[in-house]
Amino acid sequence: MKKFLLYMLYFSLTYDVIRLIYTTVTKYSLENFGYDVLSVIRDLIVIWIIFKVSRPKKKRTKFKHFHNAAIIAEMEKDYEKALEIRNEGLQLSTLNNEELASLYAGNGGTYLYLKDYNNATLCFDKAFELVQEEKFPYDEQFIEVIESYVKANRKEDALKLVESLLQRQSYHKKFRKLEPIREKLLT
């Protein structure tokens, strides 16, 4: 159907261009010229719209495609779509542990925003497991992540996570900011 419609539009466009040239050369009339130009423009716009609407979407193949698309979905407040996009990215065999962890952490953040603390902590578990041997910088959001464990009734796991993060002070001093949280969890 699309091909037929496009062939008809190409034929109409060709006819309108020839008519425009012919009427301009033989019997120039401003009224006819305007009508013929508008016909050509109309045909071009319709062809462009058909291509734009029916063009297949680019297949995501890299981490940045999934990461960026998920962020856009979240900005549009389509959280389910963001989760779907990241989960699709997690199926790629070409991603390294850091990229996989980033996608899991992104899903955890989305679940955290949706106040689904159980799923959020499961995603954070996977993310931290993937990068346990990697050096990563301190982030203020670690506090929210730890609090999500407490809200999911996983206080022991929150304490283990804090202990693990505190060990990273050897290469990034800001992890010391988690000391008060450890003290609070111990009481």
N, C-alpha and C. Protein backbone atom coordinates (compact mmCIF):
# COMPACT_ATOMS: atom_id res chain seq x y z
N MET A 1 0.83 -1.20 0.00
CA MET A 1 0.00 0.00 0.00
C MET A 1 0.87 1.26 0.00
N LYS A 2 1.93 1.24 0.84
CA LYS A 2 2.81 2.40 0.92
C LYS A 2 3.50 2.64 -0.42
N LYS A 3 3.98 1.56 -1.05
CA LYS A 3 4.66 1.71 -2.34
C LYS A 3 3.72 2.29 -3.38
N PHE A 4 2.51 1.78 -3.43
CA PHE A 4 1.54 2.27 -4.39
C PHE A 4 1.28 3.76 -4.17
N LEU A 5 1.08 4.13 -2.92
CA LEU A 5 0.83 5.53 -2.59
C LEU A 5 2.02 6.41 -2.99
N LEU A 6 3.22 5.94 -2.73
CA LEU A 6 4.41 6.71 -3.11
C LEU A 6 4.54 6.84 -4.63
N TYR A 7 4.27 5.77 -5.36
CA TYR A 7 4.31 5.85 -6.83
C TYR A 7 3.30 6.87 -7.34
N MET A 8 2.12 6.86 -6.77
CA MET A 8 1.10 7.83 -7.18
C MET A 8 1.55 9.26 -6.87
N LEU A 9 2.16 9.44 -5.71
CA LEU A 9 2.64 10.77 -5.35
C LEU A 9 3.80 11.22 -6.24
N TYR A 10 4.70 10.29 -6.57
CA TYR A 10 5.79 10.63 -7.49
C TYR A 10 5.24 11.03 -8.86
N PHE A 11 4.25 10.27 -9.30
CA PHE A 11 3.61 10.60 -10.58
C PHE A 11 2.96 11.97 -10.50
N SER A 12 2.24 12.24 -9.43
CA SER A 12 1.59 13.54 -9.24
C SER A 12 2.62 14.66 -9.17
N LEU A 13 3.72 14.42 -8.47
CA LEU A 13 4.78 15.41 -8.35
C LEU A 13 5.39 15.71 -9.72
N THR A 14 5.67 14.65 -10.47
CA THR A 14 6.24 14.83 -11.81
C THR A 14 5.28 15.63 -12.68
N TYR A 15 4.00 15.27 -12.66
CA TYR A 15 2.99 15.98 -13.44
C TYR A 15 2.94 17.45 -13.03
N ASP A 16 2.92 17.72 -11.73
CA ASP A 16 2.84 19.10 -11.25
C ASP A 16 4.08 19.92 -11.62
N VAL A 17 5.27 19.31 -11.58
CA VAL A 17 6.49 20.03 -11.97
C VAL A 17 6.47 20.34 -13.46
N ILE A 18 6.08 19.36 -14.28
CA ILE A 18 6.01 19.60 -15.72
C ILE A 18 4.98 20.67 -16.03
N ARG A 19 3.84 20.59 -15.37
CA ARG A 19 2.79 21.60 -15.59
C ARG A 19 3.28 22.98 -15.18
N LEU A 20 4.01 23.06 -14.05
CA LEU A 20 4.55 24.34 -13.58
C LEU A 20 5.51 24.92 -14.62
N ILE A 21 6.39 24.09 -15.14
CA ILE A 21 7.35 24.56 -16.14
C ILE A 21 6.63 24.99 -17.41
N TYR A 22 5.70 24.18 -17.88
CA TYR A 22 4.97 24.46 -19.11
C TYR A 22 4.17 25.77 -18.99
N THR A 23 3.41 25.93 -17.90
CA THR A 23 2.59 27.14 -17.77
C THR A 23 3.45 28.38 -17.55
N THR A 24 4.60 28.22 -16.93
CA THR A 24 5.49 29.36 -16.72
C THR A 24 6.08 29.81 -18.05
N VAL A 25 6.44 28.85 -18.91
CA VAL A 25 7.08 29.17 -20.18
C VAL A 25 6.05 29.65 -21.20
N THR A 26 4.91 28.99 -21.32
CA THR A 26 3.96 29.30 -22.39
C THR A 26 2.97 30.40 -22.03
N LYS A 27 2.26 30.25 -20.98
CA LYS A 27 1.24 31.24 -20.64
C LYS A 27 1.35 31.63 -19.17
N TYR A 28 2.30 32.46 -18.87
CA TYR A 28 2.56 32.86 -17.50
C TYR A 28 1.38 33.62 -16.94
N SER A 29 0.88 33.12 -15.80
CA SER A 29 -0.20 33.79 -15.09
C SER A 29 0.12 33.63 -13.60
N LEU A 30 0.12 34.72 -12.88
CA LEU A 30 0.47 34.68 -11.47
C LEU A 30 -0.47 33.76 -10.69
N GLU A 31 -1.73 33.76 -11.07
CA GLU A 31 -2.71 32.91 -10.38
C GLU A 31 -2.40 31.43 -10.62
N ASN A 32 -2.13 31.05 -11.85
CA ASN A 32 -1.81 29.65 -12.17
C ASN A 32 -0.45 29.26 -11.59
N PHE A 33 0.49 30.18 -11.63
CA PHE A 33 1.82 29.91 -11.10
C PHE A 33 1.75 29.58 -9.61
N GLY A 34 1.02 30.38 -8.86
CA GLY A 34 0.86 30.14 -7.41
C GLY A 34 0.22 28.80 -7.13
N TYR A 35 -0.81 28.45 -7.88
CA TYR A 35 -1.49 27.17 -7.71
C TYR A 35 -0.53 26.01 -8.02
N ASP A 36 0.21 26.12 -9.10
CA ASP A 36 1.13 25.05 -9.50
C ASP A 36 2.27 24.88 -8.49
N VAL A 37 2.80 25.98 -7.98
CA VAL A 37 3.86 25.91 -6.97
C VAL A 37 3.32 25.24 -5.69
N LEU A 38 2.13 25.61 -5.29
CA LEU A 38 1.53 25.00 -4.09
C LEU A 38 1.28 23.51 -4.29
N SER A 39 0.92 23.11 -5.49
CA SER A 39 0.72 21.68 -5.78
C SER A 39 2.02 20.90 -5.63
N VAL A 40 3.11 21.47 -6.12
CA VAL A 40 4.42 20.82 -6.00
C VAL A 40 4.82 20.73 -4.53
N ILE A 41 4.65 21.82 -3.80
CA ILE A 41 5.01 21.83 -2.38
C ILE A 41 4.16 20.83 -1.61
N ARG A 42 2.87 20.76 -1.91
CA ARG A 42 1.98 19.80 -1.25
C ARG A 42 2.46 18.37 -1.49
N ASP A 43 2.80 18.05 -2.73
CA ASP A 43 3.27 16.69 -3.04
C ASP A 43 4.56 16.37 -2.27
N LEU A 44 5.48 17.33 -2.23
CA LEU A 44 6.74 17.10 -1.51
C LEU A 44 6.50 16.88 -0.01
N ILE A 45 5.61 17.66 0.56
CA ILE A 45 5.32 17.52 1.99
C ILE A 45 4.69 16.17 2.29
N VAL A 46 3.75 15.74 1.48
CA VAL A 46 3.09 14.44 1.70
C VAL A 46 4.10 13.31 1.56
N ILE A 47 4.98 13.37 0.58
CA ILE A 47 6.01 12.34 0.41
C ILE A 47 6.94 12.34 1.62
N TRP A 48 7.34 13.50 2.09
CA TRP A 48 8.22 13.59 3.25
C TRP A 48 7.54 13.00 4.49
N ILE A 49 6.26 13.30 4.67
CA ILE A 49 5.53 12.77 5.83
C ILE A 49 5.44 11.25 5.78
N ILE A 50 5.18 10.71 4.61
CA ILE A 50 5.10 9.25 4.47
C ILE A 50 6.43 8.61 4.82
N PHE A 51 7.53 9.19 4.34
CA PHE A 51 8.84 8.64 4.68
C PHE A 51 9.14 8.77 6.16
N LYS A 52 8.79 9.90 6.74
CA LYS A 52 9.06 10.14 8.15
C LYS A 52 8.28 9.18 9.04
N VAL A 53 7.02 8.97 8.73
CA VAL A 53 6.16 8.10 9.55
C VAL A 53 6.52 6.63 9.37
N SER A 54 6.83 6.23 8.16
CA SER A 54 7.03 4.80 7.90
C SER A 54 8.49 4.36 7.99
N ARG A 55 9.38 5.28 8.25
CA ARG A 55 10.80 4.94 8.35
C ARG A 55 11.03 4.07 9.59
N PRO A 56 11.70 2.96 9.40
CA PRO A 56 11.96 2.11 10.57
C PRO A 56 12.91 2.81 11.54
N LYS A 57 12.67 2.60 12.82
CA LYS A 57 13.52 3.22 13.83
C LYS A 57 14.87 2.53 13.84
N LYS A 58 15.88 3.32 14.16
CA LYS A 58 17.23 2.78 14.22
C LYS A 58 17.31 1.76 15.35
N LYS A 59 17.97 0.69 15.07
CA LYS A 59 18.14 -0.34 16.07
C LYS A 59 19.23 0.08 17.03
N ARG A 60 18.94 -0.05 18.31
CA ARG A 60 19.94 0.28 19.32
C ARG A 60 20.94 -0.87 19.39
N THR A 61 22.22 -0.52 19.35
CA THR A 61 23.25 -1.55 19.36
C THR A 61 24.36 -1.27 20.36
N LYS A 62 24.38 -0.08 20.95
CA LYS A 62 25.47 0.28 21.86
C LYS A 62 24.90 0.78 23.18
N PHE A 63 25.76 0.75 24.18
CA PHE A 63 25.36 1.19 25.52
C PHE A 63 24.78 2.59 25.49
N LYS A 64 25.46 3.52 24.81
CA LYS A 64 25.01 4.91 24.82
C LYS A 64 23.62 5.07 24.20
N HIS A 65 23.27 4.21 23.23
CA HIS A 65 21.93 4.28 22.63
C HIS A 65 20.87 3.97 23.69
N PHE A 66 21.10 2.90 24.45
CA PHE A 66 20.14 2.51 25.48
C PHE A 66 20.11 3.51 26.62
N HIS A 67 21.29 3.94 27.03
CA HIS A 67 21.40 4.88 28.14
C HIS A 67 20.67 6.20 27.81
N ASN A 68 20.98 6.75 26.65
CA ASN A 68 20.36 8.02 26.26
C ASN A 68 18.86 7.89 26.03
N ALA A 69 18.44 6.81 25.38
CA ALA A 69 17.01 6.61 25.12
C ALA A 69 16.24 6.47 26.44
N ALA A 70 16.82 5.80 27.41
CA ALA A 70 16.16 5.63 28.71
C ALA A 70 16.04 6.97 29.43
N ILE A 71 17.09 7.78 29.33
CA ILE A 71 17.04 9.10 29.97
C ILE A 71 15.96 9.96 29.32
N ILE A 72 15.86 9.90 28.01
CA ILE A 72 14.83 10.67 27.31
C ILE A 72 13.44 10.20 27.74
N ALA A 73 13.26 8.89 27.85
CA ALA A 73 11.97 8.35 28.28
C ALA A 73 11.63 8.83 29.69
N GLU A 74 12.63 8.87 30.57
CA GLU A 74 12.37 9.36 31.92
C GLU A 74 12.05 10.85 31.93
N MET A 75 12.70 11.62 31.07
CA MET A 75 12.40 13.04 30.99
C MET A 75 10.97 13.26 30.52
N GLU A 76 10.48 12.32 29.70
CA GLU A 76 9.10 12.38 29.22
C GLU A 76 8.14 11.72 30.21
N LYS A 77 8.67 11.33 31.38
CA LYS A 77 7.91 10.69 32.45
C LYS A 77 7.29 9.36 32.03
N ASP A 78 7.94 8.68 31.09
CA ASP A 78 7.52 7.35 30.66
C ASP A 78 8.47 6.34 31.30
N TYR A 79 8.24 6.06 32.57
CA TYR A 79 9.16 5.25 33.35
C TYR A 79 9.15 3.79 32.93
N GLU A 80 7.99 3.29 32.55
CA GLU A 80 7.93 1.89 32.08
C GLU A 80 8.76 1.71 30.82
N LYS A 81 8.69 2.69 29.93
CA LYS A 81 9.49 2.62 28.70
C LYS A 81 10.98 2.68 29.02
N ALA A 82 11.36 3.51 29.98
CA ALA A 82 12.77 3.61 30.37
C ALA A 82 13.27 2.26 30.89
N LEU A 83 12.45 1.60 31.70
CA LEU A 83 12.82 0.28 32.22
C LEU A 83 12.93 -0.74 31.08
N GLU A 84 12.00 -0.69 30.15
CA GLU A 84 12.04 -1.61 29.00
C GLU A 84 13.30 -1.40 28.17
N ILE A 85 13.64 -0.15 27.93
CA ILE A 85 14.82 0.17 27.12
C ILE A 85 16.08 -0.36 27.80
N ARG A 86 16.21 -0.10 29.10
CA ARG A 86 17.40 -0.58 29.80
C ARG A 86 17.44 -2.11 29.84
N ASN A 87 16.28 -2.74 30.06
CA ASN A 87 16.25 -4.20 30.08
C ASN A 87 16.64 -4.78 28.72
N GLU A 88 16.25 -4.11 27.67
CA GLU A 88 16.66 -4.53 26.32
C GLU A 88 18.18 -4.41 26.18
N GLY A 89 18.73 -3.34 26.71
CA GLY A 89 20.17 -3.15 26.66
C GLY A 89 20.92 -4.19 27.47
N LEU A 90 20.33 -4.64 28.56
CA LEU A 90 20.97 -5.65 29.39
C LEU A 90 21.11 -6.99 28.68
N GLN A 91 20.39 -7.17 27.58
CA GLN A 91 20.47 -8.42 26.82
C GLN A 91 21.66 -8.45 25.87
N LEU A 92 22.29 -7.30 25.64
CA LEU A 92 23.43 -7.24 24.73
C LEU A 92 24.64 -7.97 25.31
N SER A 93 25.26 -8.76 24.49
CA SER A 93 26.45 -9.49 24.95
C SER A 93 27.73 -8.66 24.79
N THR A 94 27.63 -7.52 24.14
CA THR A 94 28.82 -6.71 23.87
C THR A 94 29.13 -5.71 24.98
N LEU A 95 28.26 -5.59 25.98
CA LEU A 95 28.48 -4.61 27.04
C LEU A 95 29.47 -5.14 28.07
N ASN A 96 30.29 -4.23 28.60
CA ASN A 96 31.20 -4.61 29.69
C ASN A 96 30.48 -4.47 31.03
N ASN A 97 31.14 -4.90 32.09
CA ASN A 97 30.50 -4.89 33.41
C ASN A 97 30.11 -3.50 33.87
N GLU A 98 30.93 -2.51 33.55
CA GLU A 98 30.62 -1.14 33.96
C GLU A 98 29.35 -0.63 33.27
N GLU A 99 29.20 -0.94 31.99
CA GLU A 99 28.01 -0.53 31.24
C GLU A 99 26.77 -1.26 31.75
N LEU A 100 26.92 -2.56 32.00
CA LEU A 100 25.79 -3.32 32.55
C LEU A 100 25.39 -2.77 33.91
N ALA A 101 26.38 -2.48 34.74
CA ALA A 101 26.10 -1.93 36.07
C ALA A 101 25.38 -0.58 35.96
N SER A 102 25.77 0.21 35.00
CA SER A 102 25.13 1.51 34.81
C SER A 102 23.65 1.34 34.44
N LEU A 103 23.36 0.37 33.58
CA LEU A 103 21.97 0.12 33.21
C LEU A 103 21.17 -0.42 34.41
N TYR A 104 21.77 -1.33 35.18
CA TYR A 104 21.09 -1.82 36.38
C TYR A 104 20.86 -0.68 37.37
N ALA A 105 21.87 0.15 37.56
CA ALA A 105 21.72 1.28 38.49
C ALA A 105 20.65 2.25 38.00
N GLY A 106 20.59 2.46 36.69
CA GLY A 106 19.54 3.31 36.13
C GLY A 106 18.16 2.75 36.41
N ASN A 107 18.01 1.45 36.23
CA ASN A 107 16.72 0.82 36.56
C ASN A 107 16.43 0.95 38.04
N GLY A 108 17.47 0.76 38.86
CA GLY A 108 17.28 0.92 40.30
C GLY A 108 16.81 2.32 40.65
N GLY A 109 17.40 3.32 40.00
CA GLY A 109 16.98 4.69 40.22
C GLY A 109 15.55 4.95 39.80
N THR A 110 15.15 4.32 38.70
CA THR A 110 13.77 4.47 38.24
C THR A 110 12.81 3.82 39.23
N TYR A 111 13.14 2.61 39.67
CA TYR A 111 12.29 1.94 40.67
C TYR A 111 12.26 2.75 41.97
N LEU A 112 13.38 3.33 42.32
CA LEU A 112 13.45 4.16 43.52
C LEU A 112 12.50 5.35 43.39
N TYR A 113 12.50 5.98 42.22
CA TYR A 113 11.60 7.10 41.98
C TYR A 113 10.14 6.65 42.08
N LEU A 114 9.87 5.43 41.61
CA LEU A 114 8.51 4.88 41.65
C LEU A 114 8.16 4.31 43.03
N LYS A 115 9.10 4.40 43.97
CA LYS A 115 8.94 3.90 45.34
C LYS A 115 8.74 2.39 45.40
N ASP A 116 9.31 1.70 44.43
CA ASP A 116 9.32 0.23 44.41
C ASP A 116 10.69 -0.19 44.94
N TYR A 117 10.83 -0.16 46.27
CA TYR A 117 12.12 -0.35 46.91
C TYR A 117 12.68 -1.76 46.74
N ASN A 118 11.81 -2.75 46.68
CA ASN A 118 12.30 -4.13 46.51
C ASN A 118 12.99 -4.29 45.16
N ASN A 119 12.34 -3.88 44.09
CA ASN A 119 12.97 -3.98 42.76
C ASN A 119 14.18 -3.06 42.65
N ALA A 120 14.10 -1.90 43.28
CA ALA A 120 15.24 -0.97 43.24
C ALA A 120 16.48 -1.63 43.86
N THR A 121 16.30 -2.24 45.03
CA THR A 121 17.47 -2.85 45.70
C THR A 121 17.98 -4.06 44.93
N LEU A 122 17.10 -4.80 44.28
CA LEU A 122 17.56 -5.93 43.47
C LEU A 122 18.45 -5.44 42.32
N CYS A 123 18.05 -4.34 41.70
CA CYS A 123 18.86 -3.76 40.62
C CYS A 123 20.19 -3.23 41.15
N PHE A 124 20.15 -2.58 42.31
CA PHE A 124 21.39 -2.07 42.90
C PHE A 124 22.32 -3.22 43.28
N ASP A 125 21.75 -4.32 43.77
CA ASP A 125 22.57 -5.50 44.09
C ASP A 125 23.36 -5.94 42.86
N LYS A 126 22.67 -6.05 41.74
CA LYS A 126 23.32 -6.51 40.51
C LYS A 126 24.37 -5.51 40.04
N ALA A 127 24.05 -4.23 40.16
CA ALA A 127 24.99 -3.19 39.72
C ALA A 127 26.27 -3.23 40.56
N PHE A 128 26.13 -3.28 41.89
CA PHE A 128 27.31 -3.30 42.74
C PHE A 128 28.10 -4.59 42.59
N GLU A 129 27.41 -5.69 42.36
CA GLU A 129 28.09 -6.97 42.16
C GLU A 129 28.98 -6.92 40.92
N LEU A 130 28.49 -6.27 39.86
CA LEU A 130 29.25 -6.20 38.61
C LEU A 130 30.51 -5.34 38.71
N VAL A 131 30.48 -4.36 39.59
CA VAL A 131 31.63 -3.43 39.67
C VAL A 131 32.37 -3.53 41.00
N GLN A 132 32.21 -4.64 41.69
CA GLN A 132 32.85 -4.76 43.00
C GLN A 132 34.37 -4.66 42.92
N GLU A 133 34.95 -5.03 41.79
CA GLU A 133 36.41 -4.95 41.63
C GLU A 133 36.85 -3.65 40.96
N GLU A 134 35.91 -2.86 40.50
CA GLU A 134 36.22 -1.62 39.79
C GLU A 134 36.36 -0.46 40.77
N LYS A 135 37.11 0.53 40.37
CA LYS A 135 37.20 1.77 41.14
C LYS A 135 36.22 2.77 40.54
N PHE A 136 35.29 3.20 41.35
CA PHE A 136 34.34 4.21 40.89
C PHE A 136 34.27 5.33 41.93
N PRO A 137 33.96 6.54 41.51
CA PRO A 137 33.97 7.67 42.43
C PRO A 137 32.74 7.68 43.35
N TYR A 138 32.89 8.44 44.41
CA TYR A 138 31.78 8.65 45.34
C TYR A 138 30.68 9.44 44.64
N ASP A 139 29.45 9.13 44.98
CA ASP A 139 28.30 9.85 44.44
C ASP A 139 27.32 10.10 45.58
N GLU A 140 26.78 11.30 45.65
CA GLU A 140 25.82 11.66 46.71
C GLU A 140 24.59 10.75 46.69
N GLN A 141 24.29 10.17 45.55
CA GLN A 141 23.11 9.31 45.44
C GLN A 141 23.27 7.98 46.18
N PHE A 142 24.49 7.66 46.61
CA PHE A 142 24.68 6.43 47.38
C PHE A 142 23.84 6.47 48.66
N ILE A 143 23.65 7.65 49.20
CA ILE A 143 22.85 7.79 50.43
C ILE A 143 21.42 7.35 50.16
N GLU A 144 20.85 7.79 49.04
CA GLU A 144 19.49 7.38 48.68
C GLU A 144 19.42 5.87 48.41
N VAL A 145 20.46 5.35 47.80
CA VAL A 145 20.51 3.92 47.51
C VAL A 145 20.49 3.14 48.83
N ILE A 146 21.30 3.55 49.79
CA ILE A 146 21.35 2.87 51.08
C ILE A 146 20.00 2.98 51.79
N GLU A 147 19.39 4.15 51.72
CA GLU A 147 18.07 4.32 52.34
C GLU A 147 17.02 3.42 51.69
N SER A 148 17.18 3.15 50.39
CA SER A 148 16.21 2.27 49.72
C SER A 148 16.28 0.85 50.29
N TYR A 149 17.48 0.41 50.69
CA TYR A 149 17.61 -0.91 51.32
C TYR A 149 16.85 -0.94 52.65
N VAL A 150 16.98 0.14 53.42
CA VAL A 150 16.27 0.22 54.70
C VAL A 150 14.76 0.20 54.46
N LYS A 151 14.30 0.95 53.47
CA LYS A 151 12.87 1.00 53.17
C LYS A 151 12.35 -0.34 52.63
N ALA A 152 13.25 -1.14 52.07
CA ALA A 152 12.86 -2.46 51.56
C ALA A 152 13.04 -3.53 52.65
N ASN A 153 13.23 -3.09 53.91
CA ASN A 153 13.43 -3.99 55.04
C ASN A 153 14.66 -4.89 54.84
N ARG A 154 15.72 -4.31 54.32
CA ARG A 154 16.98 -5.02 54.11
C ARG A 154 18.11 -4.26 54.81
N LYS A 155 17.92 -4.01 56.09
CA LYS A 155 18.87 -3.21 56.86
C LYS A 155 20.26 -3.86 56.90
N GLU A 156 20.32 -5.19 57.03
CA GLU A 156 21.61 -5.88 57.07
C GLU A 156 22.36 -5.69 55.76
N ASP A 157 21.62 -5.77 54.65
CA ASP A 157 22.25 -5.58 53.33
C ASP A 157 22.71 -4.13 53.16
N ALA A 158 21.94 -3.20 53.73
CA ALA A 158 22.34 -1.79 53.68
C ALA A 158 23.65 -1.60 54.43
N LEU A 159 23.78 -2.25 55.56
CA LEU A 159 25.00 -2.14 56.35
C LEU A 159 26.18 -2.76 55.60
N LYS A 160 25.98 -3.90 54.97
CA LYS A 160 27.04 -4.53 54.17
C LYS A 160 27.48 -3.62 53.03
N LEU A 161 26.50 -2.98 52.38
CA LEU A 161 26.82 -2.07 51.29
C LEU A 161 27.63 -0.89 51.79
N VAL A 162 27.22 -0.32 52.91
CA VAL A 162 27.96 0.82 53.47
C VAL A 162 29.39 0.41 53.81
N GLU A 163 29.54 -0.76 54.41
CA GLU A 163 30.89 -1.25 54.75
C GLU A 163 31.73 -1.40 53.48
N SER A 164 31.13 -1.94 52.46
CA SER A 164 31.83 -2.12 51.18
C SER A 164 32.24 -0.78 50.58
N LEU A 165 31.34 0.18 50.64
CA LEU A 165 31.65 1.50 50.08
C LEU A 165 32.69 2.23 50.92
N LEU A 166 32.66 2.04 52.22
CA LEU A 166 33.64 2.70 53.08
C LEU A 166 35.05 2.19 52.82
N GLN A 167 35.18 0.97 52.36
CA GLN A 167 36.50 0.44 52.03
C GLN A 167 37.12 1.16 50.83
N ARG A 168 36.32 1.86 50.10
CA ARG A 168 36.80 2.56 48.90
C ARG A 168 37.44 3.91 49.25
N GLN A 169 37.53 4.22 50.53
CA GLN A 169 38.19 5.46 50.95
C GLN A 169 39.66 5.48 50.54
N SER A 170 40.21 4.32 50.31
CA SER A 170 41.63 4.24 49.96
C SER A 170 41.95 4.98 48.67
N TYR A 171 40.98 5.06 47.78
CA TYR A 171 41.24 5.78 46.53
C TYR A 171 40.33 7.00 46.33
N HIS A 172 39.31 7.14 47.17
CA HIS A 172 38.42 8.31 47.04
C HIS A 172 37.93 8.69 48.44
N LYS A 173 38.46 9.77 48.96
CA LYS A 173 38.22 10.17 50.36
C LYS A 173 36.77 10.52 50.65
N LYS A 174 35.99 10.91 49.66
CA LYS A 174 34.61 11.33 49.91
C LYS A 174 33.73 10.20 50.43
N PHE A 175 34.18 8.96 50.28
CA PHE A 175 33.40 7.84 50.81
C PHE A 175 33.27 7.93 52.33
N ARG A 176 34.10 8.75 52.98
CA ARG A 176 34.00 8.97 54.43
C ARG A 176 32.66 9.56 54.82
N LYS A 177 32.01 10.21 53.88
CA LYS A 177 30.70 10.82 54.17
C LYS A 177 29.67 9.77 54.58
N LEU A 178 29.97 8.51 54.33
CA LEU A 178 29.04 7.44 54.67
C LEU A 178 29.21 6.94 56.10
N GLU A 179 30.23 7.42 56.81
CA GLU A 179 30.46 7.02 58.21
C GLU A 179 29.23 7.26 59.09
N PRO A 180 28.62 8.46 59.04
CA PRO A 180 27.43 8.68 59.90
C PRO A 180 26.27 7.72 59.55
N ILE A 181 26.18 7.35 58.32
CA ILE A 181 25.10 6.43 57.93
C ILE A 181 25.36 5.05 58.53
N ARG A 182 26.62 4.63 58.53
CA ARG A 182 26.95 3.34 59.13
C ARG A 182 26.61 3.38 60.62
N GLU A 183 26.97 4.47 61.29
CA GLU A 183 26.68 4.59 62.72
C GLU A 183 25.17 4.53 62.96
N LYS A 184 24.44 5.18 62.13
CA LYS A 184 22.96 5.20 62.26
C LYS A 184 22.39 3.79 62.04
N LEU A 185 22.96 3.04 61.11
CA LEU A 185 22.47 1.69 60.86
C LEU A 185 22.84 0.73 61.99
N LEU A 186 23.92 1.01 62.65
CA LEU A 186 24.35 0.13 63.75
C LEU A 186 23.52 0.33 65.02
N THR A 187 22.83 1.45 65.12
CA THR A 187 22.03 1.71 66.33
C THR A 187 20.64 1.16 66.22
